[in-house]
N, C-alpha and C. Protein backbone atom coordinates (compact mmCIF):
# COMPACT_ATOMS: atom_id res chain seq x y z
N MET A 1 108.57 40.59 -2.01
CA MET A 1 108.86 42.09 -1.95
C MET A 1 109.15 42.47 -3.61
N PRO A 2 108.79 43.88 -3.89
CA PRO A 2 109.05 44.02 -5.20
C PRO A 2 110.64 44.28 -5.53
N SER A 3 111.07 43.99 -6.50
CA SER A 3 112.51 44.46 -6.70
C SER A 3 112.69 45.93 -6.99
N LEU A 4 114.07 46.34 -6.93
CA LEU A 4 114.54 47.61 -7.17
C LEU A 4 113.85 48.28 -8.26
N ARG A 5 114.11 47.29 -9.21
CA ARG A 5 113.68 48.01 -10.70
C ARG A 5 112.28 48.18 -10.74
N ASP A 6 111.55 47.25 -9.85
CA ASP A 6 109.87 47.44 -10.01
C ASP A 6 109.46 48.65 -9.25
N ARG A 7 110.17 48.88 -8.17
CA ARG A 7 109.84 50.22 -7.40
C ARG A 7 110.21 51.27 -7.97
N LYS A 8 111.41 51.28 -8.75
CA LYS A 8 111.78 52.63 -9.52
C LYS A 8 110.90 52.83 -10.83
N ARG A 9 110.24 51.57 -11.23
CA ARG A 9 109.32 51.79 -12.34
C ARG A 9 108.05 52.39 -11.92
N ALA A 10 107.61 51.73 -10.74
CA ALA A 10 106.56 52.14 -9.96
C ALA A 10 106.61 53.65 -9.59
N ARG A 11 107.32 54.17 -9.16
CA ARG A 11 107.67 55.64 -8.57
C ARG A 11 107.57 56.48 -10.17
N THR A 12 108.48 56.08 -11.17
CA THR A 12 108.42 56.99 -12.31
C THR A 12 106.90 56.84 -12.82
N ARG A 13 106.14 55.69 -12.81
CA ARG A 13 104.78 55.70 -13.27
C ARG A 13 103.77 56.72 -12.39
N GLN A 14 103.99 56.72 -11.18
CA GLN A 14 103.43 57.53 -10.21
C GLN A 14 103.62 59.05 -10.69
N ALA A 15 104.76 59.38 -10.67
CA ALA A 15 105.39 60.67 -11.01
C ALA A 15 104.73 61.04 -12.38
N LEU A 16 104.49 60.29 -13.52
CA LEU A 16 103.75 60.60 -14.61
C LEU A 16 102.09 61.11 -14.26
N ILE A 17 101.79 60.09 -13.54
CA ILE A 17 100.21 60.21 -13.01
C ILE A 17 100.16 61.76 -12.38
N ASP A 18 100.91 61.89 -11.16
CA ASP A 18 100.72 63.22 -10.41
C ASP A 18 101.13 64.45 -11.55
N ALA A 19 102.04 64.24 -12.36
CA ALA A 19 102.43 65.42 -13.12
C ALA A 19 101.18 65.61 -14.09
N ALA A 20 100.50 64.62 -14.69
CA ALA A 20 99.71 64.75 -15.45
C ALA A 20 98.32 65.33 -15.03
N THR A 21 97.94 65.06 -13.63
CA THR A 21 96.94 65.45 -13.10
C THR A 21 97.11 67.08 -12.64
N GLU A 22 98.15 67.31 -12.48
CA GLU A 22 98.41 68.65 -12.08
C GLU A 22 98.26 69.63 -13.51
N LEU A 23 98.59 69.03 -14.66
CA LEU A 23 98.61 69.85 -15.68
C LEU A 23 97.51 69.85 -16.33
N PHE A 24 96.73 68.67 -16.24
CA PHE A 24 95.45 68.43 -16.80
C PHE A 24 94.41 69.95 -15.90
N GLU A 25 94.59 69.53 -14.68
CA GLU A 25 93.81 70.50 -13.79
C GLU A 25 94.17 71.96 -14.31
N ARG A 26 95.24 72.28 -14.26
CA ARG A 26 95.83 73.83 -14.31
C ARG A 26 95.82 74.16 -16.00
N ASP A 27 96.10 73.50 -16.80
CA ASP A 27 96.27 74.02 -18.34
C ASP A 27 95.11 73.55 -19.18
N GLY A 28 94.65 72.27 -18.89
CA GLY A 28 93.43 71.65 -19.71
C GLY A 28 93.96 70.49 -20.22
N TYR A 29 93.19 69.68 -20.42
CA TYR A 29 93.54 68.24 -21.13
C TYR A 29 94.13 68.41 -22.50
N ASP A 30 93.44 69.14 -23.28
CA ASP A 30 93.73 69.17 -24.84
C ASP A 30 95.12 70.15 -25.01
N GLU A 31 95.00 70.90 -24.08
CA GLU A 31 96.55 72.02 -24.15
C GLU A 31 97.68 71.21 -23.77
N THR A 32 97.56 70.29 -23.00
CA THR A 32 98.58 69.47 -22.34
C THR A 32 99.25 68.52 -23.12
N THR A 33 100.53 68.57 -23.44
CA THR A 33 101.19 67.51 -24.23
C THR A 33 101.74 66.52 -23.63
N ILE A 34 101.94 65.20 -24.22
CA ILE A 34 102.83 64.27 -23.72
C ILE A 34 104.22 64.63 -23.48
N ALA A 35 104.77 65.76 -24.07
CA ALA A 35 106.14 66.21 -23.63
C ALA A 35 105.99 66.90 -22.50
N ASP A 36 105.02 67.96 -22.36
CA ASP A 36 104.76 68.73 -21.29
C ASP A 36 104.56 67.54 -19.91
N ILE A 37 104.23 66.49 -19.94
CA ILE A 37 103.98 65.76 -18.76
C ILE A 37 105.08 64.86 -18.57
N ALA A 38 105.94 64.61 -19.55
CA ALA A 38 107.21 63.93 -19.59
C ALA A 38 108.39 65.29 -18.85
N ALA A 39 108.20 66.15 -19.32
CA ALA A 39 109.14 67.29 -18.79
C ALA A 39 108.83 67.48 -17.25
N ALA A 40 107.56 67.42 -16.94
CA ALA A 40 107.15 67.79 -15.52
C ALA A 40 107.50 66.78 -14.55
N ALA A 41 107.65 65.37 -15.14
CA ALA A 41 108.17 64.30 -14.44
C ALA A 41 109.28 64.28 -14.43
N GLU A 42 110.10 64.99 -15.02
CA GLU A 42 111.55 64.85 -15.27
C GLU A 42 112.23 63.57 -15.88
N ILE A 43 111.37 63.23 -17.02
CA ILE A 43 111.75 61.92 -17.93
C ILE A 43 111.63 62.54 -19.18
N GLY A 44 111.98 61.54 -20.04
CA GLY A 44 112.04 61.71 -21.53
C GLY A 44 110.46 61.14 -21.88
N THR A 45 110.28 61.76 -23.19
CA THR A 45 108.95 60.84 -23.82
C THR A 45 109.13 59.77 -24.15
N ARG A 46 110.00 59.23 -24.49
CA ARG A 46 110.38 57.90 -24.77
C ARG A 46 110.02 57.06 -23.40
N THR A 47 110.49 57.53 -22.35
CA THR A 47 110.26 56.84 -21.03
C THR A 47 108.71 56.81 -20.67
N PHE A 48 108.08 58.06 -21.07
CA PHE A 48 106.61 57.91 -21.00
C PHE A 48 105.70 56.65 -21.51
N PHE A 49 106.38 56.54 -22.96
CA PHE A 49 105.83 55.49 -23.67
C PHE A 49 106.07 54.09 -23.05
N GLY A 50 107.05 53.73 -22.49
CA GLY A 50 107.39 52.77 -21.50
C GLY A 50 106.31 52.54 -20.58
N HIS A 51 105.49 53.59 -20.24
CA HIS A 51 104.37 53.19 -19.23
C HIS A 51 103.08 53.54 -19.70
N PHE A 52 102.91 54.39 -20.66
CA PHE A 52 101.57 54.61 -21.13
C PHE A 52 101.64 54.94 -22.68
N ALA A 53 100.62 54.44 -23.15
CA ALA A 53 100.34 54.41 -24.80
C ALA A 53 99.91 55.66 -24.99
N SER A 54 99.26 56.54 -24.37
CA SER A 54 98.72 57.96 -24.94
C SER A 54 98.27 58.64 -23.48
N LYS A 55 97.72 59.84 -23.75
CA LYS A 55 97.38 60.65 -22.82
C LYS A 55 96.14 59.82 -21.86
N GLU A 56 95.08 59.36 -23.05
CA GLU A 56 94.10 58.74 -22.62
C GLU A 56 94.37 57.45 -21.54
N GLU A 57 95.33 56.78 -21.76
CA GLU A 57 95.45 55.63 -20.91
C GLU A 57 96.18 56.05 -19.51
N LEU A 58 96.90 57.21 -19.22
CA LEU A 58 97.55 57.81 -18.11
C LEU A 58 96.30 58.13 -17.18
N LEU A 59 94.90 58.44 -17.66
CA LEU A 59 93.79 58.66 -16.65
C LEU A 59 93.23 57.19 -16.44
N PHE A 60 93.65 56.25 -16.64
CA PHE A 60 92.84 55.06 -16.20
C PHE A 60 94.08 53.88 -15.72
N PRO A 61 94.83 54.34 -14.86
CA PRO A 61 96.15 53.75 -14.57
C PRO A 61 95.77 52.28 -13.69
N GLU A 62 94.79 52.17 -13.28
CA GLU A 62 94.31 51.06 -12.56
C GLU A 62 93.26 50.00 -13.05
N SER A 63 92.84 50.31 -14.35
CA SER A 63 91.84 49.47 -15.17
C SER A 63 92.35 48.06 -15.11
N ASP A 64 93.53 47.71 -15.46
CA ASP A 64 93.85 46.48 -15.92
C ASP A 64 93.81 45.71 -14.26
N ALA A 65 94.31 46.49 -13.39
CA ALA A 65 94.34 45.83 -12.05
C ALA A 65 93.13 45.45 -11.31
N ARG A 66 91.95 46.40 -11.79
CA ARG A 66 90.61 45.75 -11.30
C ARG A 66 90.21 44.78 -12.05
N VAL A 67 90.34 44.71 -13.21
CA VAL A 67 90.07 43.36 -14.06
C VAL A 67 90.66 42.19 -13.44
N ARG A 68 91.90 42.14 -13.25
CA ARG A 68 92.82 41.26 -12.72
C ARG A 68 91.90 40.63 -11.36
N ALA A 69 91.58 41.75 -10.63
CA ALA A 69 91.05 41.34 -9.08
C ALA A 69 89.80 40.67 -9.48
N ALA A 70 88.88 40.80 -10.24
CA ALA A 70 87.67 40.47 -10.56
C ALA A 70 87.76 38.97 -11.26
N LEU A 71 88.88 38.93 -12.10
CA LEU A 71 89.02 37.53 -12.73
C LEU A 71 89.87 36.59 -11.27
N ASP A 72 90.67 37.17 -10.77
CA ASP A 72 91.48 36.42 -9.72
C ASP A 72 90.10 35.84 -8.49
N ALA A 73 89.21 36.88 -8.35
CA ALA A 73 88.09 36.65 -7.34
C ALA A 73 87.45 35.25 -7.98
N ILE A 74 87.19 35.40 -9.26
CA ILE A 74 86.37 34.05 -9.90
C ILE A 74 87.06 32.94 -9.68
N ALA A 75 88.36 33.00 -9.97
CA ALA A 75 89.22 31.89 -10.01
C ALA A 75 89.24 31.30 -8.57
N SER A 76 89.34 32.03 -7.59
CA SER A 76 89.25 31.69 -6.34
C SER A 76 88.15 31.42 -5.47
N ARG A 77 87.07 31.49 -6.11
CA ARG A 77 85.77 31.45 -5.70
C ARG A 77 85.24 30.25 -4.56
N GLY A 78 84.74 30.62 -3.52
CA GLY A 78 84.42 29.48 -2.63
C GLY A 78 83.07 28.75 -2.78
N PRO A 79 82.95 27.64 -2.27
CA PRO A 79 81.82 26.68 -2.68
C PRO A 79 80.49 27.49 -2.18
N ASP A 80 80.38 28.29 -1.34
CA ASP A 80 79.07 29.34 -0.86
C ASP A 80 78.95 30.54 -1.63
N GLU A 81 79.85 30.98 -2.61
CA GLU A 81 80.07 32.20 -3.13
C GLU A 81 79.28 31.93 -4.64
N GLY A 82 78.08 32.80 -4.80
CA GLY A 82 77.78 33.12 -6.15
C GLY A 82 78.28 34.13 -6.94
N PRO A 83 77.88 34.20 -8.17
CA PRO A 83 78.45 35.34 -8.96
C PRO A 83 78.81 36.97 -8.38
N ALA A 84 77.40 37.04 -7.70
CA ALA A 84 77.33 38.54 -7.20
C ALA A 84 78.54 38.63 -5.99
N GLU A 85 78.60 37.63 -5.06
CA GLU A 85 79.45 37.76 -3.75
C GLU A 85 81.01 37.89 -4.44
N VAL A 86 81.25 37.00 -5.43
CA VAL A 86 82.68 36.79 -6.10
C VAL A 86 82.87 38.53 -6.63
N LEU A 87 81.96 38.92 -7.28
CA LEU A 87 82.31 40.57 -7.45
C LEU A 87 82.35 41.35 -6.40
N LEU A 88 81.51 41.25 -5.46
CA LEU A 88 81.87 42.12 -4.42
C LEU A 88 83.00 41.88 -3.51
N ARG A 89 83.30 40.62 -3.50
CA ARG A 89 84.80 40.50 -3.00
C ARG A 89 85.88 41.22 -3.65
N ALA A 90 85.89 41.17 -5.21
CA ALA A 90 86.81 41.71 -6.03
C ALA A 90 86.74 43.18 -5.48
N LEU A 91 85.60 43.83 -5.59
CA LEU A 91 85.48 45.29 -5.08
C LEU A 91 86.17 45.65 -3.71
N ARG A 92 85.93 44.73 -2.68
CA ARG A 92 86.53 45.10 -1.52
C ARG A 92 88.03 45.01 -1.43
N ARG A 93 88.43 43.84 -2.25
CA ARG A 93 90.28 43.93 -2.58
C ARG A 93 90.64 45.16 -3.27
N VAL A 94 90.04 45.62 -4.14
CA VAL A 94 90.50 46.92 -4.76
C VAL A 94 90.47 47.85 -4.12
N GLY A 95 89.17 48.04 -3.15
CA GLY A 95 89.32 49.05 -2.08
C GLY A 95 90.34 49.09 -1.13
N ASP A 96 90.78 47.79 -0.58
CA ASP A 96 91.64 47.77 0.36
C ASP A 96 93.13 47.86 -0.28
N ASP A 97 93.29 47.56 -1.57
CA ASP A 97 94.58 47.44 -1.94
C ASP A 97 94.88 49.18 -2.33
N SER A 98 94.01 50.04 -2.73
CA SER A 98 94.26 51.33 -3.31
C SER A 98 93.10 52.15 -2.96
N ASP A 99 93.64 53.71 -2.79
CA ASP A 99 92.63 54.70 -2.54
C ASP A 99 92.44 55.43 -3.77
N GLU A 100 92.67 55.02 -5.01
CA GLU A 100 92.39 55.55 -6.15
C GLU A 100 90.95 56.19 -6.64
N MET A 101 90.09 55.32 -6.07
CA MET A 101 88.66 55.81 -6.43
C MET A 101 88.35 56.97 -5.57
N ALA A 102 89.08 57.32 -4.69
CA ALA A 102 88.63 58.65 -3.90
C ALA A 102 89.72 59.87 -4.10
N SER A 103 90.61 59.61 -5.37
CA SER A 103 91.76 60.55 -5.55
C SER A 103 91.09 61.84 -6.54
N ARG A 104 92.17 62.38 -6.53
CA ARG A 104 92.22 63.61 -7.47
C ARG A 104 91.99 63.52 -9.06
N LEU A 105 92.76 62.34 -9.01
CA LEU A 105 92.56 61.74 -10.45
C LEU A 105 91.26 61.29 -10.88
N ALA A 106 90.50 60.52 -9.96
CA ALA A 106 89.29 59.83 -10.28
C ALA A 106 88.51 61.00 -10.43
N ALA A 107 88.47 62.23 -9.67
CA ALA A 107 87.17 63.24 -9.80
C ALA A 107 87.87 63.80 -11.41
N LEU A 108 88.92 63.85 -11.51
CA LEU A 108 89.40 64.75 -12.66
C LEU A 108 88.66 63.89 -13.99
N ARG A 109 89.11 62.54 -13.87
CA ARG A 109 88.84 61.62 -14.76
C ARG A 109 87.32 61.76 -15.12
N LEU A 110 86.50 61.89 -13.99
CA LEU A 110 84.84 61.64 -14.35
C LEU A 110 84.86 63.31 -15.17
N ARG A 111 85.25 64.27 -14.71
CA ARG A 111 85.05 65.29 -15.59
C ARG A 111 85.46 65.36 -16.88
N LEU A 112 86.82 64.84 -17.38
CA LEU A 112 87.10 64.64 -18.66
C LEU A 112 86.27 63.66 -19.53
N ILE A 113 85.73 62.72 -18.98
CA ILE A 113 84.67 61.74 -19.74
C ILE A 113 83.69 62.70 -20.11
N ARG A 114 83.25 63.55 -19.25
CA ARG A 114 81.91 64.40 -19.57
C ARG A 114 82.51 65.20 -20.64
N THR A 115 83.42 65.83 -20.91
CA THR A 115 83.83 66.79 -21.46
C THR A 115 84.92 66.63 -22.63
N VAL A 116 85.52 65.34 -22.77
CA VAL A 116 86.58 65.13 -23.81
C VAL A 116 86.17 64.08 -24.72
N PRO A 117 85.73 64.02 -25.71
CA PRO A 117 85.35 62.80 -26.52
C PRO A 117 86.33 61.70 -26.48
N ALA A 118 87.72 61.98 -26.46
CA ALA A 118 88.47 60.91 -26.57
C ALA A 118 88.67 60.09 -25.14
N VAL A 119 88.49 61.05 -24.19
CA VAL A 119 88.70 60.33 -22.85
C VAL A 119 87.37 59.53 -22.79
N ARG A 120 86.15 60.19 -23.12
CA ARG A 120 85.04 59.32 -23.03
C ARG A 120 85.01 57.81 -23.71
N GLY A 121 85.52 58.23 -25.15
CA GLY A 121 85.61 56.89 -25.95
C GLY A 121 86.54 55.94 -25.23
N ARG A 122 87.43 56.35 -24.60
CA ARG A 122 88.50 55.40 -24.03
C ARG A 122 87.88 54.46 -22.90
N ALA A 123 87.14 55.55 -22.08
CA ALA A 123 86.36 54.95 -20.77
C ALA A 123 85.39 53.87 -21.22
N LEU A 124 84.78 54.10 -22.54
CA LEU A 124 83.55 53.20 -22.71
C LEU A 124 84.18 51.93 -23.41
N GLN A 125 85.39 52.26 -23.90
CA GLN A 125 86.16 50.83 -24.71
C GLN A 125 86.55 49.92 -23.31
N ILE A 126 87.17 50.46 -22.50
CA ILE A 126 87.80 50.01 -21.09
C ILE A 126 86.40 49.13 -20.51
N GLN A 127 85.22 49.91 -20.39
CA GLN A 127 84.40 49.24 -19.87
C GLN A 127 83.57 48.17 -20.73
N PHE A 128 83.49 48.34 -21.88
CA PHE A 128 82.90 47.14 -22.72
C PHE A 128 83.97 45.95 -22.95
N GLU A 129 85.22 46.16 -22.74
CA GLU A 129 86.07 45.11 -22.76
C GLU A 129 86.24 44.46 -21.30
N ALA A 130 86.05 45.26 -20.28
CA ALA A 130 85.92 44.58 -19.02
C ALA A 130 84.86 43.90 -18.65
N GLN A 131 83.66 44.18 -19.06
CA GLN A 131 82.39 43.69 -18.90
C GLN A 131 82.58 42.31 -19.74
N HIS A 132 82.76 42.34 -21.03
CA HIS A 132 82.69 41.09 -21.58
C HIS A 132 83.79 39.98 -21.29
N GLU A 133 85.10 40.44 -20.67
CA GLU A 133 86.00 39.73 -20.04
C GLU A 133 85.58 38.92 -18.83
N ILE A 134 84.80 39.85 -17.88
CA ILE A 134 84.54 39.11 -16.67
C ILE A 134 83.43 38.43 -16.89
N GLY A 135 82.10 39.07 -17.86
CA GLY A 135 81.27 38.36 -17.85
C GLY A 135 81.37 36.93 -18.40
N ARG A 136 82.28 36.70 -19.36
CA ARG A 136 82.74 35.35 -20.08
C ARG A 136 83.28 34.46 -18.90
N ARG A 137 84.16 35.04 -18.28
CA ARG A 137 84.45 34.12 -16.98
C ARG A 137 83.63 33.82 -15.90
N LEU A 138 82.71 34.83 -15.70
CA LEU A 138 81.37 34.34 -14.96
C LEU A 138 80.64 33.32 -15.20
N ALA A 139 80.23 33.33 -16.83
CA ALA A 139 79.47 32.29 -17.10
C ALA A 139 80.13 31.04 -17.28
N ALA A 140 81.42 31.17 -17.36
CA ALA A 140 82.25 29.94 -17.47
C ALA A 140 82.28 29.14 -16.00
N ALA A 141 82.17 30.22 -15.02
CA ALA A 141 82.47 29.68 -13.34
C ALA A 141 81.31 29.06 -12.97
N PHE A 142 80.00 29.79 -13.52
CA PHE A 142 78.81 29.61 -12.89
C PHE A 142 77.64 28.72 -13.90
N PRO A 143 78.16 27.85 -14.67
CA PRO A 143 77.15 27.52 -15.67
C PRO A 143 75.86 27.23 -15.45
N GLU A 144 75.46 26.90 -14.05
CA GLU A 144 74.24 26.44 -14.14
C GLU A 144 73.58 27.60 -13.41
N GLU A 145 74.07 28.95 -13.18
CA GLU A 145 73.36 29.83 -12.86
C GLU A 145 73.28 31.16 -13.88
N LEU A 146 74.27 31.00 -14.86
CA LEU A 146 74.25 32.14 -15.86
C LEU A 146 74.81 31.46 -17.36
N ASP A 147 74.11 32.27 -18.23
CA ASP A 147 74.70 32.25 -19.46
C ASP A 147 75.54 33.39 -19.79
N GLU A 148 76.10 33.45 -21.03
CA GLU A 148 76.85 34.69 -21.17
C GLU A 148 75.98 35.97 -21.48
N VAL A 149 75.06 35.89 -21.57
CA VAL A 149 74.24 37.25 -21.71
C VAL A 149 73.89 37.63 -20.42
N SER A 150 73.42 36.66 -19.51
CA SER A 150 72.98 37.18 -18.00
C SER A 150 74.24 37.68 -17.35
N ALA A 151 75.35 36.78 -17.66
CA ALA A 151 76.76 36.89 -16.99
C ALA A 151 77.31 38.49 -17.37
N VAL A 152 76.96 39.24 -18.50
CA VAL A 152 77.61 40.45 -18.99
C VAL A 152 76.43 41.39 -18.26
N ALA A 153 75.20 41.04 -18.26
CA ALA A 153 74.25 42.04 -17.67
C ALA A 153 74.56 42.18 -16.40
N LEU A 154 74.68 41.01 -15.40
CA LEU A 154 75.34 41.18 -13.99
C LEU A 154 76.54 41.98 -13.87
N THR A 155 77.37 41.80 -14.57
CA THR A 155 78.50 42.82 -14.65
C THR A 155 78.38 43.99 -15.04
N GLY A 156 77.38 44.33 -15.87
CA GLY A 156 77.21 45.94 -16.37
C GLY A 156 76.42 46.31 -15.07
N ALA A 157 75.65 45.62 -14.28
CA ALA A 157 74.95 46.24 -13.29
C ALA A 157 76.13 46.72 -12.26
N PHE A 158 76.80 45.74 -11.97
CA PHE A 158 77.93 46.00 -10.95
C PHE A 158 78.95 47.18 -11.30
N VAL A 159 79.36 47.21 -12.85
CA VAL A 159 80.14 48.03 -13.22
C VAL A 159 79.32 49.66 -13.26
N GLY A 160 78.09 49.52 -13.51
CA GLY A 160 77.31 50.74 -13.59
C GLY A 160 77.19 51.27 -12.32
N ALA A 161 76.80 50.32 -11.19
CA ALA A 161 76.53 50.87 -10.00
C ALA A 161 77.90 51.42 -9.47
N VAL A 162 79.03 50.83 -9.61
CA VAL A 162 80.36 51.51 -9.15
C VAL A 162 80.33 53.22 -9.76
N ALA A 163 80.19 53.03 -11.31
CA ALA A 163 80.49 54.38 -11.97
C ALA A 163 79.52 55.32 -11.33
N GLY A 164 78.15 54.95 -11.16
CA GLY A 164 77.25 55.96 -11.00
C GLY A 164 77.35 56.57 -9.47
N ALA A 165 77.79 55.60 -8.59
CA ALA A 165 78.12 56.33 -7.30
C ALA A 165 79.16 57.16 -7.08
N LEU A 166 80.15 56.80 -7.95
CA LEU A 166 81.50 57.58 -8.09
C LEU A 166 81.15 59.01 -8.75
N GLN A 167 80.16 59.00 -9.80
CA GLN A 167 79.84 60.28 -10.05
C GLN A 167 79.01 61.30 -9.19
N VAL A 168 78.34 60.79 -8.36
CA VAL A 168 77.84 61.51 -7.58
C VAL A 168 78.52 61.79 -6.35
N LEU A 169 79.43 60.94 -5.88
CA LEU A 169 80.52 61.36 -4.73
C LEU A 169 81.41 62.43 -5.10
N LEU A 170 82.16 62.01 -6.28
CA LEU A 170 83.41 62.77 -6.64
C LEU A 170 82.88 64.04 -7.21
N ALA A 171 81.62 64.67 -7.44
CA ALA A 171 81.18 65.63 -7.44
C ALA A 171 81.21 66.97 -6.41
N ASP A 172 81.26 65.95 -5.12
CA ASP A 172 81.39 66.78 -3.94
C ASP A 172 82.95 66.76 -3.48
N PRO A 173 83.66 68.29 -3.49
CA PRO A 173 85.00 68.06 -3.33
C PRO A 173 85.45 67.70 -1.73
N ASP A 174 84.24 67.50 -0.98
CA ASP A 174 84.80 66.67 0.58
C ASP A 174 84.89 65.58 0.48
N GLN A 175 84.40 64.82 -0.52
CA GLN A 175 84.48 63.42 -0.77
C GLN A 175 85.91 62.86 -1.14
N ILE A 176 86.54 64.01 -2.18
CA ILE A 176 87.89 63.46 -2.42
C ILE A 176 88.90 63.25 -1.44
N GLY A 177 89.48 62.44 -1.42
CA GLY A 177 90.44 62.15 -0.21
C GLY A 177 89.92 61.57 0.82
N ASP A 178 88.98 60.86 0.70
CA ASP A 178 88.14 60.11 1.92
C ASP A 178 88.03 58.93 1.35
N PRO A 179 88.93 57.77 1.42
CA PRO A 179 88.70 56.58 0.69
C PRO A 179 87.48 55.80 1.44
N ALA A 180 87.62 55.84 2.99
CA ALA A 180 86.30 55.21 3.65
C ALA A 180 85.26 55.45 3.48
N ALA A 181 84.87 56.87 3.16
CA ALA A 181 83.52 56.97 2.76
C ALA A 181 83.21 56.81 1.18
N VAL A 182 84.07 56.77 0.65
CA VAL A 182 83.87 56.45 -0.59
C VAL A 182 83.72 54.86 -1.09
N ARG A 183 84.45 54.17 -0.21
CA ARG A 183 84.40 52.62 -0.17
C ARG A 183 82.96 52.31 0.12
N ALA A 184 82.57 53.02 1.36
CA ALA A 184 81.02 52.64 1.99
C ALA A 184 80.18 53.03 0.94
N ALA A 185 80.07 54.16 0.37
CA ALA A 185 79.12 54.59 -0.70
C ALA A 185 79.06 53.63 -1.79
N VAL A 186 80.27 53.32 -2.34
CA VAL A 186 80.03 52.37 -3.42
C VAL A 186 79.89 50.97 -3.19
N ARG A 187 80.01 50.44 -2.07
CA ARG A 187 79.50 49.29 -1.50
C ARG A 187 77.92 49.36 -1.55
N ARG A 188 77.49 50.23 -0.97
CA ARG A 188 75.75 50.32 -0.93
C ARG A 188 75.40 50.42 -2.01
N ALA A 189 75.85 51.15 -3.13
CA ALA A 189 75.23 51.09 -4.53
C ALA A 189 75.44 49.66 -4.92
N THR A 190 76.63 48.77 -4.71
CA THR A 190 76.63 47.52 -5.51
C THR A 190 75.92 46.70 -4.75
N ASP A 191 75.56 46.80 -3.46
CA ASP A 191 74.67 45.84 -2.77
C ASP A 191 73.26 46.01 -3.40
N VAL A 192 72.93 47.20 -3.71
CA VAL A 192 71.51 47.78 -4.29
C VAL A 192 71.46 46.93 -5.58
N ALA A 193 72.32 47.17 -6.33
CA ALA A 193 72.41 46.66 -7.73
C ALA A 193 72.53 45.29 -7.86
N LEU A 194 73.01 44.53 -6.97
CA LEU A 194 73.23 42.96 -7.16
C LEU A 194 72.52 42.21 -6.10
N LYS A 195 71.69 42.89 -4.99
CA LYS A 195 70.65 42.53 -4.47
C LYS A 195 69.85 41.16 -4.74
N PRO A 196 69.45 41.09 -5.91
CA PRO A 196 68.56 39.94 -6.54
C PRO A 196 69.55 38.84 -6.90
N TRP A 197 70.89 39.13 -6.85
CA TRP A 197 71.72 38.03 -7.26
C TRP A 197 72.44 37.47 -6.08
N LEU A 198 72.10 38.03 -4.76
CA LEU A 198 72.97 37.66 -3.75
C LEU A 198 72.27 36.38 -3.09
N ARG A 199 73.32 35.39 -2.77
CA ARG A 199 72.76 33.99 -2.07
C ARG A 199 72.25 34.23 -0.61
N ALA A 200 72.81 35.20 0.05
CA ALA A 200 72.59 35.18 1.52
C ALA A 200 72.87 36.57 1.88
N ALA A 201 72.16 37.21 3.00
CA ALA A 201 72.57 38.60 3.36
C ALA A 201 74.12 38.70 3.50
N GLN A 202 74.60 39.80 3.18
CA GLN A 202 76.14 40.37 3.32
C GLN A 202 76.38 40.92 4.42
N PRO A 203 77.39 40.53 5.17
CA PRO A 203 77.66 41.18 6.46
C PRO A 203 78.10 42.80 6.03
N PRO A 204 77.92 43.46 7.00
CA PRO A 204 78.23 45.18 6.72
C PRO A 204 79.42 45.11 6.36
N GLY A 205 80.10 46.04 5.52
CA GLY A 205 81.30 46.22 5.17
C GLY A 205 81.56 47.53 4.63
C-alpha cells in the first residue's frame, strides 16, 4: 500500500495534470505559463518542478510507466512467449492499470503534437528513447530471433500501431472517456502490426 507521502504526491501530480489540461484547452499551450498551472493547482512553482521538468513533460505523465511495463514484461517472459507476445502483454497491463489513453489529456496531447513544435519534439524524443531501450532489451532477451536492428524495428511497428490508432480514435469526441473501446481498438491495431511476429494465435482481448 502506498504511504501517505506517496498518496499526497500522487494527488499533487494529478492536480497539476488536471489544471494544465484545463488551461491548455481554454487559453492555449503557449499562452499558459508554469506559474499559471501551479496557481490553478494551488501549489508553488517550486513544487511544480518537483514533479515535472517543463510544460512538455507534463503532457507525457505516463511515458516512463509504459516503458517500465514493457521492460518488466520482457524480464518476466514465459517460455512460450515471443517478443511480440511480450509487447502485447505489456500493452494489456498498461490498459488495465490506467485509462489515460482515452483521457482528455491524451486527445489534447495529440492536438498539441500536431501544432506545437516543442511538444512534437518532446514526443519524438520520448518515442526514440523508448524504442531504443525496449529494442535493446528485446534483442538481449531473444538473441536467437532478433538482432538489435530487427528488435528496434519490431518495437517501432508496435509503437506506431498504438500511436496511429490513438490518432484516429481520439479525433472522435465520442471515444474520449471510453477506455474499453480505446483498448479494444488499440489491441486490434497492434495485432495487425505484430501479426508476422506472433508465435501462435492470440485469444481475443
